[in-house]
Each structure stands twice: as structure tokens, then as C-alpha cells.
């Protein structure tokens, strides 16, 4: 058996394809059972968010598992596997573990460090348990991943990474609008600090200087995902007079607007809203341009010469770079933010989480290798106990005159001899399990002692209390 993850995310697929690949809560049980019925899949968990759909599985063979999971993703998306394959990624064993640990820590998110993914991973795991297809292999993996995610968010300031990018972008925009004369250094709130929070993400407090960075400004937000919601909160804290949220899904725009005291509109309203806005922040994740040059050019005559700033937080770009050439229009993109951001602390936190993930992956793999040896050790001792029991029974029939005290001494001596003979090989094989090729030592013991291949129940039974507590 081996671990495998096959999926697509915001880096490998356009938003339209991610939407097709999305698996709703109602559809999850059927997808899980279809995976469990596949020839090479023994366990499965489906993680589906707005930025990714991934299937984690314990499989009997690598190639067979990849084929089964890829076919399932093709059916979910409703497109031919040949067209889908270029958007898929595959991670196996150690890389699969490292990928999940990075995902749950927010390192693989569009907004680095966001903590919403922690709850999404937990929900996916519980759905797999409820469907009866997340067994001991994936339970151990996901329990470890959730623990690593909690450590990352509690022991570092990774939550602040995305918030810092948004806050710096807003301050640069305020400077372009003439509200600020300069852009001061941006402090990053420590874990549990006094800064505001959104889903666990620290948000920079409003600067001491008056007026606030966006005092009196009209802010139009295009996109109502995690980045858009964080931008709405940051803009509100920065003193924006009006916040308008436009999104392809009206319900999501309305939800973010309600959270932050804004107003929801449809994408069809963009021409009018751009005409009225001072700052436009876009973060849709679309594959094509959302705001084109001609749309902005058409709005300029009615603005009365007011400056207009675009803050493009999307990758790939939402805003046509050509708008920079229009009079009174400024464009700030992610590249500009990387130059402006004093990211020493942010970079430090990201590297700290990466180091944590690396250490935890190594520890998990060591424990898994040792766990694979455990059934062999248990089987060896069970075999030895059976041999001892049989030999003592025969000896007892040949020495019927021994009293209880004498028989106790004989039995104890025999068992001590067997325990001492088994002690060194069983301890050593557990030590060697963590080394490259460690499984071969357990295999050698099974061959030498003709041990059964079945895993003893005492080893294979999952810890249901531990699973439930997680």
C-alpha cells in the first residue's frame, strides 16, 4: 500500500475548470464510494475548495491508483481525461505527505497563511470517515496533518503573510490617491496580538497618522473569496467611506458585503461602479482579464479628473496592464507589492513553517516505517509464544511428577531464553525501519520464520477514540 494524491488547483487550472471539478457536500459520499469500488484504491478522502480539488488515497499500486483517481476526476469534471491531464498533479508517498502538510498550513493557498483551509481539511477527513473509506492509513496521515496545521498557526505569524500583502497594497493605493504623502513601513501583527482577525488571519491595525489611509474613499472589490473578504476588512479599517463588492456569484458577494458593511452588485454593474470608485481591488482568480482597457477608458470622461487606482491581487492578472497608460490611472500589481513589501518578518514566518513541515514529514515517515514493522514483530512474538506453549505442553506430559513450584521454574526459564533470543532482532528491526530500505528487514524476518502475511488484529484495529477526538 502507498499514499497518493492527484488533484488540480488555482496554479494548474482555470477558475472555470475548478468550478467543474468542485465536489459538493451532497455529492461527496458517492464520489468516495466510487473511489472505494475502484480496483486499486483502498482508502480515500476528497478535499474540494474554491481553489482546489484533490483526492488523497491509499492505493495498492501507483500506476493503477493514478489511473483510477484520474478517471474519477475526469467524470467529476465532465471532460475527457486527455484534456484534463495537463491540469493534474500527482504526489506519491513522501511528497504526498509533504503536500498535505503544506496545504493545511496555508503554504499552498492563493492567500498564503490563510487558516480557513485547516477547517476544510478537517471536514474532508470527517466526510471520509463518515463514508467508511478513510481507514487507518489516511486517518494517521490526516490526524498528523491537522496537528501540524495547528502548530503552524499557533507557533508562527504565518497568518499575517497574506494580510501584510493586502495592507501594503492598500497603503500604496492610498499614496497614489494622494491621501498619504508616503508609505511607512508596515508592522506585522504577532500571533494573538491586538490586530484584527479574519478567519485567524492577523490584519494590520489602522496607522496612528490622521486621516486614515482611505478616509472618504469609495472602494470597489471585484471577487468575494478569501482575498476579497480580507481586502474588504482591511479597507474598512483603513477608513473607506463606501465598500462595494462585485462577484460572479451574487450570494457570495452579498455575504461578504454583509460581513463588512458594504453593498453587493453584479459584474454587469462594473462600468458604473468603476465610474464612481476611487480604488478598485480585484482578486477573482479568473484566467482572463476581468477589467479591460476600453472599459476603464470609457469611464474616465465622467470622473471629472479624479485619480483612479487599481490594486490587482490576482494571479494571473485581472486588470489589463494597458490601463497604466490612461491619464489619472494607476495600477499596482503583485510584482509591485513584492518590491514595496518589507517582507523580512513575513519571509521568516513562511520559512519557519516550511522548516516545521519538513521536520514533521520526516517524523511522520519514520513513524510510518516503524508501524509497518510492528505487525512483523507482533507476528514473530506470537509465533514464538505458540512454539513455547506447544513445547511446554509436551514437556509437561513427559515430566508429570514435577510440582507446581518446579514447573513454574521450568516454564520461566524456557520463556526467558526465547525472550532473550528475540530481543535483539526485534529491537534492531524497529531501529532499522526508519532507514532507507527498512521494509526489507521486516520482509527478511517474515521469510526466515515463515510468518503469516496477515496483519494481527491487535495492530490493524484503528484507535476509534483517537479518531473521534481528532
Protein backbone atom coordinates (compact mmCIF):
# COMPACT_ATOMS: atom_id res chain seq x y z
CA UNK A 1 0.00 0.00 0.00
CA UNK A 2 1.15 3.56 -0.64
CA UNK A 3 -0.14 7.11 -0.29
CA UNK A 4 -1.16 9.07 -3.35
CA UNK A 5 -2.68 12.47 -4.09
CA UNK A 6 -4.00 13.51 -7.50
CA UNK A 7 -5.60 16.91 -7.99
CA UNK A 8 -5.79 20.32 -9.58
CA UNK A 9 -5.66 23.77 -8.01
CA UNK A 10 -5.53 27.51 -8.70
CA UNK A 11 -1.98 27.17 -10.04
CA UNK A 12 -2.72 24.42 -12.56
CA UNK A 13 -6.29 25.06 -13.72
CA UNK A 14 -8.53 28.00 -14.68
CA UNK A 15 -11.38 29.01 -12.39
CA UNK A 16 -13.95 27.59 -14.80
CA UNK A 17 -12.33 24.14 -14.60
CA UNK A 18 -12.00 24.34 -10.81
CA UNK A 19 -15.73 25.04 -10.65
CA UNK A 20 -16.42 21.97 -12.79
CA UNK A 21 -14.17 19.90 -10.53
CA UNK A 22 -15.83 21.11 -7.34
CA UNK A 23 -17.45 18.36 -5.27
CA UNK A 24 -20.36 19.49 -3.10
CA UNK A 25 -21.05 18.06 0.34
CA UNK A 26 -24.07 16.18 -1.01
CA UNK A 27 -22.01 14.60 -3.80
CA UNK A 28 -19.02 13.67 -1.64
CA UNK A 29 -20.33 10.31 -0.30
CA UNK A 30 -21.00 8.98 -3.82
CA UNK A 31 -17.58 10.09 -5.08
CA UNK A 32 -15.94 8.44 -2.08
CA UNK A 33 -17.80 5.17 -2.59
CA UNK A 34 -16.98 5.20 -6.31
CA UNK A 35 -13.32 5.56 -5.38
CA UNK A 36 -13.54 2.76 -2.82
CA UNK A 37 -15.02 0.50 -5.52
CA UNK A 38 -12.09 1.19 -7.85
CA UNK A 39 -9.70 -1.70 -8.44
CA UNK A 40 -6.59 -0.17 -6.90
CA UNK A 41 -7.94 2.22 -4.23
CA UNK A 42 -8.36 1.01 -0.65
CA UNK A 43 -8.98 4.33 1.18
CA UNK A 44 -9.90 7.84 0.00
CA UNK A 45 -10.52 11.43 1.13
CA UNK A 46 -11.77 14.18 -1.20
CA UNK A 47 -10.68 17.77 -0.47
CA UNK A 48 -12.67 20.26 -2.54
CA UNK A 49 -12.48 24.04 -2.01
CA UNK A 50 -12.81 27.06 -4.26
CA UNK A 51 -9.09 26.81 -5.05
CA UNK A 52 -8.53 23.05 -5.33
CA UNK A 53 -9.99 19.59 -5.75
CA UNK A 54 -7.68 16.84 -4.55
CA UNK A 55 -8.16 13.15 -3.90
CA UNK A 56 -5.95 11.56 -1.26
CA UNK A 57 -5.84 7.78 -1.34
CA UNK A 58 -4.14 4.69 -0.06
CA UNK A 59 -3.58 2.56 -3.16
CA UNK A 60 -2.37 -0.94 -3.92
CA UNK A 61 -0.26 0.10 -6.92
CA UNK A 62 0.99 3.50 -8.03
CA UNK A 63 0.03 3.39 -11.70
CA UNK A 64 -3.29 1.69 -11.07
CA UNK A 65 -4.12 4.19 -8.34
CA UNK A 66 -3.27 7.18 -10.55
CA UNK A 67 -5.45 5.77 -13.33
CA UNK A 68 -8.43 5.12 -11.02
CA UNK A 69 -8.28 8.56 -9.40
CA UNK A 70 -7.70 10.40 -12.68
CA UNK A 71 -10.70 8.65 -14.21
CA UNK A 72 -12.82 9.72 -11.25
CA UNK A 73 -11.70 13.34 -11.60
CA UNK A 74 -12.49 13.19 -15.31
CA UNK A 75 -16.04 12.05 -14.51
CA UNK A 76 -16.44 14.78 -11.89
CA UNK A 77 -15.32 17.48 -14.33
CA UNK A 78 -17.30 16.03 -17.20
CA UNK A 79 -14.40 16.35 -19.62
CA UNK A 80 -12.15 13.87 -21.39
CA UNK A 81 -9.15 12.71 -19.39
CA UNK A 82 -6.86 13.71 -22.23
CA UNK A 83 -7.99 17.31 -21.86
CA UNK A 84 -7.83 17.20 -18.06
CA UNK A 85 -4.44 15.51 -17.67
CA UNK A 86 -2.42 18.67 -18.35
CA UNK A 87 -4.01 20.34 -15.31
CA UNK A 88 -3.43 17.48 -12.87
CA UNK A 89 -0.55 16.93 -10.47
CA UNK A 90 0.42 13.71 -8.74
CA UNK A 91 2.33 13.28 -5.47
CA UNK A 92 3.37 9.89 -4.11
CA UNK A 93 4.25 8.76 -0.58
CA UNK A 94 6.72 11.27 0.98
CA UNK A 95 5.75 14.01 -1.48
CA UNK A 96 2.06 13.33 -0.84
CA UNK A 97 2.64 13.74 2.89
CA UNK A 98 4.61 16.94 2.37
CA UNK A 99 1.93 18.32 0.04
CA UNK A 100 -0.90 17.77 2.53
CA UNK A 101 1.14 19.25 5.40
CA UNK A 102 1.89 22.33 3.27
CA UNK A 103 -1.77 22.65 2.24
CA UNK A 104 -3.09 22.50 5.79
CA UNK A 105 -0.56 25.15 6.91
CA UNK A 106 -1.71 27.55 4.19
CA UNK A 107 1.55 27.46 2.25
CA UNK A 108 -0.21 26.26 -0.90
CA UNK A 109 -3.14 28.71 -0.67
CA UNK A 110 -3.76 31.62 -3.02
CA UNK A 111 -3.60 33.81 0.10
CA UNK A 112 -0.53 32.42 1.87
CA UNK A 113 -1.16 31.56 5.50
CA UNK A 114 -4.97 31.65 5.42
CA UNK A 115 -6.40 29.42 8.14
CA UNK A 116 -9.74 28.53 6.56
CA UNK A 117 -8.06 25.58 4.86
CA UNK A 118 -7.49 23.96 8.26
CA UNK A 119 -11.22 23.56 8.80
CA UNK A 120 -11.74 22.46 5.20
CA UNK A 121 -9.18 19.66 5.56
CA UNK A 122 -10.79 18.58 8.83
CA UNK A 123 -14.21 18.49 7.15
CA UNK A 124 -12.88 16.44 4.23
CA UNK A 125 -11.33 13.91 6.61
CA UNK A 126 -14.52 13.57 8.63
CA UNK A 127 -16.52 13.04 5.44
CA UNK A 128 -14.14 10.21 4.53
CA UNK A 129 -14.61 8.68 7.97
CA UNK A 130 -18.39 9.01 7.78
CA UNK A 131 -18.41 7.24 4.41
CA UNK A 132 -16.25 4.45 5.84
CA UNK A 133 -13.48 4.92 3.28
CA UNK A 134 -10.85 6.70 5.41
CA UNK A 135 -9.18 3.84 7.25
CA UNK A 136 -6.07 3.53 9.36
CA UNK A 137 -3.62 4.75 6.67
CA UNK A 138 -5.40 8.03 5.88
CA UNK A 139 -6.57 8.53 9.46
CA UNK A 140 -2.97 8.60 10.62
CA UNK A 141 -2.00 10.95 7.79
CA UNK A 142 -4.83 13.44 8.33
CA UNK A 143 -4.58 13.43 12.12
CA UNK A 144 -0.89 14.27 11.78
CA UNK A 145 -1.62 16.96 9.17
CA UNK A 146 -4.23 18.68 11.34
CA UNK A 147 -1.82 18.73 14.25
CA UNK A 148 0.89 20.27 12.03
CA UNK A 149 -1.57 22.90 10.78
CA UNK A 150 -2.48 23.89 14.31
CA UNK A 151 1.19 24.20 15.23
CA UNK A 152 1.91 26.38 12.19
CA UNK A 153 -0.88 28.83 13.00
CA UNK A 154 -0.19 28.93 16.75
CA UNK A 155 3.61 28.97 16.78
CA UNK A 156 4.31 31.38 13.89
CA UNK A 157 2.82 34.52 12.34
CA UNK A 158 2.08 32.78 9.04
CA UNK A 159 -1.49 34.12 9.30
CA UNK A 160 -0.11 37.62 8.81
CA UNK A 161 1.60 36.91 5.47
CA UNK A 162 -1.44 37.39 3.26
CA UNK A 163 -2.76 40.21 5.41
CA UNK A 164 0.51 42.09 5.01
CA UNK A 165 0.32 41.92 1.21
CA UNK A 166 -3.23 43.31 1.22
CA UNK A 167 -2.42 46.04 3.74
CA UNK A 168 0.69 47.20 1.89
CA UNK A 169 -1.28 47.28 -1.35
CA UNK A 170 -3.95 49.48 0.20
CA UNK A 171 -1.38 51.88 1.59
CA UNK A 172 0.34 52.13 -1.78
CA UNK A 173 -3.05 52.80 -3.34
CA UNK A 174 -3.78 55.48 -0.75
CA UNK A 175 -0.47 57.11 -1.58
CA UNK A 176 -1.34 57.11 -5.29
CA UNK A 177 -4.69 58.70 -4.49
CA UNK A 178 -2.89 61.47 -2.59
CA UNK A 179 -4.40 60.57 0.78
CA UNK A 180 -0.95 59.69 2.11
CA UNK A 181 2.25 61.53 1.32
CA UNK A 182 4.39 58.47 1.86
CA UNK A 183 4.16 54.79 2.60
CA UNK A 184 5.64 53.98 6.03
CA UNK A 185 6.96 50.56 6.97
CA UNK A 186 4.23 48.08 7.73
CA UNK A 187 4.42 46.16 11.02
CA UNK A 188 3.20 42.58 11.10
CA UNK A 189 0.97 41.64 14.00
CA UNK A 190 2.34 38.78 16.14
CA UNK A 191 0.21 35.69 16.87
CA UNK A 192 -2.56 36.57 19.30
CA UNK A 193 -1.72 40.26 19.06
CA UNK A 194 -4.09 43.19 19.13
CA UNK A 195 -4.59 43.34 15.38
CA UNK A 196 -7.99 42.42 13.98
CA UNK A 197 -8.58 38.95 12.58
CA UNK A 198 -10.44 37.28 9.75
CA UNK A 199 -10.55 33.50 9.90
CA UNK A 200 -7.46 33.54 12.10
CA UNK A 201 -5.52 35.92 9.84
CA UNK A 202 -3.97 38.87 11.58
CA UNK A 203 -4.86 42.22 9.98
CA UNK A 204 -2.81 45.35 10.41
CA UNK A 205 -4.24 47.97 12.70
CA UNK A 206 -5.01 51.42 11.27
CA UNK A 207 -1.97 53.70 11.35
CA UNK A 208 -1.64 56.33 14.03
CA UNK A 209 -1.40 59.14 11.48
CA UNK A 210 -4.55 61.05 10.58
CA UNK A 211 -6.50 60.84 8.39
CA UNK A 212 -6.81 57.03 7.95
CA UNK A 213 -5.25 55.77 4.70
CA UNK A 214 -8.54 55.53 2.78
CA UNK A 215 -10.51 58.26 4.54
CA UNK A 216 -13.52 59.16 2.39
CA UNK A 217 -12.59 56.81 -0.48
CA UNK A 218 -15.03 54.68 -2.46
CA UNK A 219 -13.64 51.15 -2.78
CA UNK A 220 -14.84 48.61 -5.35
CA UNK A 221 -13.89 44.99 -4.69
CA UNK A 222 -14.09 42.51 -7.58
CA UNK A 223 -14.09 38.97 -6.18
CA UNK A 224 -15.57 37.71 -2.92
CA UNK A 225 -13.21 34.90 -1.98
CA UNK A 226 -10.81 34.79 0.95
CA UNK A 227 -8.61 37.54 -0.54
CA UNK A 228 -11.58 39.76 -1.36
CA UNK A 229 -13.05 39.37 2.10
CA UNK A 230 -9.71 40.20 3.71
CA UNK A 231 -9.35 43.24 1.44
CA UNK A 232 -12.85 44.40 2.43
CA UNK A 233 -12.00 44.17 6.11
CA UNK A 234 -8.67 45.93 5.64
CA UNK A 235 -10.25 48.70 3.55
CA UNK A 236 -12.93 49.22 6.18
CA UNK A 237 -10.30 49.51 8.91
CA UNK A 238 -8.40 51.95 6.71
CA UNK A 239 -11.35 54.34 6.71
CA UNK A 240 -13.07 53.65 3.37
CA UNK A 241 -16.33 55.59 3.15
CA UNK A 242 -18.03 53.04 0.89
CA UNK A 243 -17.28 49.42 0.01
CA UNK A 244 -18.89 47.75 -3.00
CA UNK A 245 -18.45 44.03 -3.74
CA UNK A 246 -18.92 42.62 -7.25
CA UNK A 247 -18.76 38.89 -7.82
CA UNK A 248 -19.85 36.32 -10.36
CA UNK A 249 -21.86 34.59 -7.60
CA UNK A 250 -24.30 37.18 -6.16
CA UNK A 251 -24.89 35.23 -2.94
CA UNK A 252 -21.21 35.26 -2.08
CA UNK A 253 -20.94 38.99 -2.82
CA UNK A 254 -23.94 39.62 -0.57
CA UNK A 255 -22.40 37.57 2.23
CA UNK A 256 -19.10 39.49 2.14
CA UNK A 257 -20.97 42.81 1.87
CA UNK A 258 -22.99 41.95 4.95
CA UNK A 259 -19.88 40.98 6.90
CA UNK A 260 -18.11 44.27 6.22
CA UNK A 261 -20.91 46.81 5.89
CA UNK A 262 -20.70 47.01 2.11
CA UNK A 263 -23.02 46.83 -0.88
CA UNK A 264 -23.23 43.90 -3.31
CA UNK A 265 -23.53 44.36 -7.08
CA UNK A 266 -23.26 42.13 -10.14
CA UNK A 267 -20.37 42.09 -12.60
CA UNK A 268 -22.70 43.71 -15.10
CA UNK A 269 -22.60 46.84 -12.92
CA UNK A 270 -18.82 47.27 -13.30
CA UNK A 271 -18.97 50.18 -15.80
CA UNK A 272 -20.98 52.32 -13.40
CA UNK A 273 -19.08 51.23 -10.28
CA UNK A 274 -15.68 51.94 -11.88
CA UNK A 275 -17.00 55.38 -12.81
CA UNK A 276 -17.79 56.04 -9.12
CA UNK A 277 -14.83 54.31 -7.44
CA UNK A 278 -11.55 55.74 -6.19
CA UNK A 279 -9.89 52.37 -5.63
CA UNK A 280 -10.64 49.08 -7.39
CA UNK A 281 -9.27 45.91 -5.78
CA UNK A 282 -9.57 42.73 -7.86
CA UNK A 283 -8.88 39.16 -6.77
CA UNK A 284 -11.12 36.85 -8.77
CA UNK A 285 -8.72 34.12 -9.84
CA UNK A 286 -10.14 34.19 -13.37
CA UNK A 287 -7.93 33.09 -16.24
CA UNK A 288 -8.75 36.07 -18.48
CA UNK A 289 -8.88 39.81 -17.91
CA UNK A 290 -11.81 40.97 -15.79
CA UNK A 291 -11.26 44.72 -16.33
CA UNK A 292 -10.13 45.62 -19.83
CA UNK A 293 -8.54 48.81 -21.11
CA UNK A 294 -11.61 50.00 -23.04
CA UNK A 295 -13.90 49.59 -20.03
CA UNK A 296 -11.70 51.90 -17.96
CA UNK A 297 -11.20 54.37 -20.81
CA UNK A 298 -14.96 54.68 -21.22
CA UNK A 299 -15.38 55.61 -17.55
CA UNK A 300 -12.75 58.38 -17.46
CA UNK A 301 -14.73 61.24 -19.09
CA UNK A 302 -17.39 61.06 -16.38
CA UNK A 303 -14.93 61.06 -13.46
CA UNK A 304 -14.09 64.74 -13.58
CA UNK A 305 -10.36 64.13 -13.47
CA UNK A 306 -10.41 62.20 -10.17
CA UNK A 307 -7.48 59.75 -9.87
CA UNK A 308 -8.33 56.04 -10.15
CA UNK A 309 -6.16 53.31 -8.65
CA UNK A 310 -6.36 49.61 -9.43
CA UNK A 311 -4.92 47.08 -6.96
CA UNK A 312 -4.61 43.75 -8.77
CA UNK A 313 -4.16 40.91 -6.24
CA UNK A 314 -4.95 38.16 -8.72
CA UNK A 315 -2.66 35.65 -10.38
CA UNK A 316 -2.96 35.68 -13.35
CA UNK A 317 -3.83 39.37 -13.69
CA UNK A 318 -7.44 40.57 -13.52
CA UNK A 319 -6.65 44.10 -14.70
CA UNK A 320 -5.42 44.94 -18.20
CA UNK A 321 -1.84 46.26 -17.76
CA UNK A 322 -2.61 48.74 -20.53
CA UNK A 323 -4.67 50.88 -18.13
CA UNK A 324 -1.39 52.30 -16.84
CA UNK A 325 -1.20 54.40 -20.00
CA UNK A 326 -4.54 56.10 -19.30
CA UNK A 327 -4.43 59.59 -17.73
CA UNK A 328 -5.03 59.64 -14.00
CA UNK A 329 -4.99 55.83 -13.71
CA UNK A 330 -2.52 53.86 -11.56
CA UNK A 331 -2.08 50.10 -11.41
CA UNK A 332 -0.46 48.24 -8.52
CA UNK A 333 0.08 44.52 -9.09
CA UNK A 334 1.67 41.68 -7.12
CA UNK A 335 5.12 42.38 -8.55
CA UNK A 336 4.95 45.96 -7.30
CA UNK A 337 3.87 44.70 -3.89
CA UNK A 338 6.81 42.34 -3.67
CA UNK A 339 9.14 45.26 -4.23
CA UNK A 340 7.37 47.50 -1.74
CA UNK A 341 6.70 44.98 0.99
CA UNK A 342 9.16 44.91 3.83
CA UNK A 343 8.78 41.16 3.97
CA UNK A 344 11.58 40.19 6.33
CA UNK A 345 9.18 39.02 9.04
CA UNK A 346 6.75 37.50 6.54
CA UNK A 347 9.56 35.61 4.80
CA UNK A 348 10.84 34.47 8.19
CA UNK A 349 7.43 33.06 9.14
CA UNK A 350 6.99 31.29 5.80
CA UNK A 351 10.43 29.72 6.13
CA UNK A 352 9.66 28.77 9.75
CA UNK A 353 6.53 26.94 8.61
CA UNK A 354 8.41 25.25 5.78
CA UNK A 355 11.00 24.04 8.29
CA UNK A 356 8.22 22.81 10.56
CA UNK A 357 6.63 20.93 7.67
CA UNK A 358 9.95 19.36 6.71
CA UNK A 359 10.58 18.16 10.27
CA UNK A 360 7.04 16.85 10.68
CA UNK A 361 7.15 15.00 7.35
CA UNK A 362 10.37 13.25 8.36
CA UNK A 363 8.89 12.31 11.72
CA UNK A 364 5.68 11.02 10.15
CA UNK A 365 7.57 8.87 7.63
CA UNK A 366 9.78 7.43 10.39
CA UNK A 367 6.70 6.52 12.45
CA UNK A 368 5.01 5.01 9.42
CA UNK A 369 8.02 2.87 8.60
CA UNK A 370 8.19 1.70 12.21
CA UNK A 371 4.47 0.98 12.11
CA UNK A 372 4.92 -1.23 9.08
CA UNK A 373 7.42 -3.32 11.04
CA UNK A 374 5.16 -3.65 14.09
CA UNK A 375 2.92 -6.38 12.59
CA UNK A 376 6.02 -8.45 11.80
CA UNK A 377 7.33 -8.06 15.36
CA UNK A 378 3.93 -8.98 16.82
CA UNK A 379 3.63 -11.96 14.48
CA UNK A 380 7.15 -13.14 15.39
CA UNK A 381 6.43 -12.99 19.12
CA UNK A 382 3.04 -14.67 18.61
CA UNK A 383 4.78 -17.42 16.64
CA UNK A 384 7.39 -17.83 19.37
CA UNK A 385 4.71 -17.94 22.05
CA UNK A 386 2.87 -20.65 20.14
CA UNK A 387 6.05 -22.72 19.83
CA UNK A 388 6.82 -22.28 23.55
CA UNK A 389 3.27 -23.22 24.52
CA UNK A 390 3.41 -26.40 22.43
CA UNK A 391 6.82 -27.45 23.72
CA UNK A 392 5.84 -26.83 27.34
CA UNK A 393 2.73 -28.94 26.86
CA UNK A 394 4.82 -31.84 25.54
CA UNK A 395 7.37 -31.40 28.34
CA UNK A 396 4.61 -31.38 30.93
CA UNK A 397 3.37 -34.79 29.70
CA UNK A 398 6.90 -36.21 29.98
CA UNK A 399 7.56 -34.82 33.46
CA UNK A 400 4.30 -35.45 35.30
CA UNK A 401 5.99 -35.69 38.71
CA UNK A 402 7.08 -32.00 38.83
CA UNK A 403 5.24 -30.00 41.47
CA UNK A 404 3.83 -26.53 40.75
CA UNK A 405 6.90 -24.70 42.02
CA UNK A 406 9.29 -26.81 39.91
CA UNK A 407 7.07 -26.49 36.84
CA UNK A 408 6.95 -22.71 37.29
CA UNK A 409 10.76 -22.59 37.29
CA UNK A 410 10.99 -24.68 34.11
CA UNK A 411 8.38 -22.63 32.27
CA UNK A 412 10.01 -19.36 33.33
CA UNK A 413 13.44 -20.50 32.15
CA UNK A 414 12.12 -21.52 28.73
CA UNK A 415 10.26 -18.25 28.21
CA UNK A 416 13.30 -16.18 29.31
CA UNK A 417 15.52 -17.97 26.79
CA UNK A 418 13.06 -17.27 23.97
CA UNK A 419 12.62 -13.63 25.01
CA UNK A 420 16.38 -13.07 25.06
CA UNK A 421 16.79 -14.68 21.65
CA UNK A 422 14.06 -12.48 20.17
CA UNK A 423 15.00 -9.25 21.91
CA UNK A 424 17.95 -8.21 19.72
CA UNK A 425 16.37 -8.91 16.30
CA UNK A 426 13.02 -7.31 17.18
CA UNK A 427 14.61 -4.18 18.63
CA UNK A 428 17.07 -3.92 15.77
CA UNK A 429 14.45 -4.34 13.03
CA UNK A 430 12.43 -1.48 14.57
CA UNK A 431 15.54 0.70 14.62
CA UNK A 432 16.36 -0.13 11.00
CA UNK A 433 12.78 0.52 9.86
CA UNK A 434 13.48 4.25 9.67
CA UNK A 435 16.47 3.77 7.36
CA UNK A 436 16.24 3.60 3.57
CA UNK A 437 15.08 0.13 2.59
CA UNK A 438 13.93 -0.51 6.14
CA UNK A 439 10.99 -2.63 4.98
CA UNK A 440 13.41 -5.24 3.67
CA UNK A 441 14.48 -6.21 7.20
CA UNK A 442 10.91 -6.97 8.21
CA UNK A 443 10.50 -8.93 4.99
CA UNK A 444 13.61 -10.96 5.88
CA UNK A 445 12.15 -11.86 9.29
CA UNK A 446 8.88 -12.95 7.68
CA UNK A 447 10.76 -15.20 5.25
CA UNK A 448 13.15 -16.67 7.84
CA UNK A 449 10.42 -17.54 10.34
CA UNK A 450 7.68 -18.27 7.76
CA UNK A 451 5.39 -15.70 9.38
CA UNK A 452 1.85 -15.09 8.10
CA UNK A 453 1.26 -12.07 5.83
CA UNK A 454 -1.97 -11.07 7.55
CA UNK A 455 -1.72 -8.13 9.94
CA UNK A 456 -2.62 -9.18 13.51
CA UNK A 457 -5.83 -7.57 14.75
CA UNK A 458 -4.06 -6.04 17.71
CA UNK A 459 -2.01 -3.97 15.26
CA UNK A 460 -4.52 -3.30 12.49
CA UNK A 461 -7.51 -2.16 14.55
CA UNK A 462 -7.82 1.65 14.42
CA UNK A 463 -7.90 3.69 17.59
CA UNK A 464 -11.53 4.79 17.30
CA UNK A 465 -11.33 7.02 20.37
CA UNK A 466 -8.35 8.87 18.88
CA UNK A 467 -10.11 9.21 15.53
CA UNK A 468 -13.23 10.63 17.17
CA UNK A 469 -11.25 13.09 19.31
CA UNK A 470 -9.48 14.48 16.26
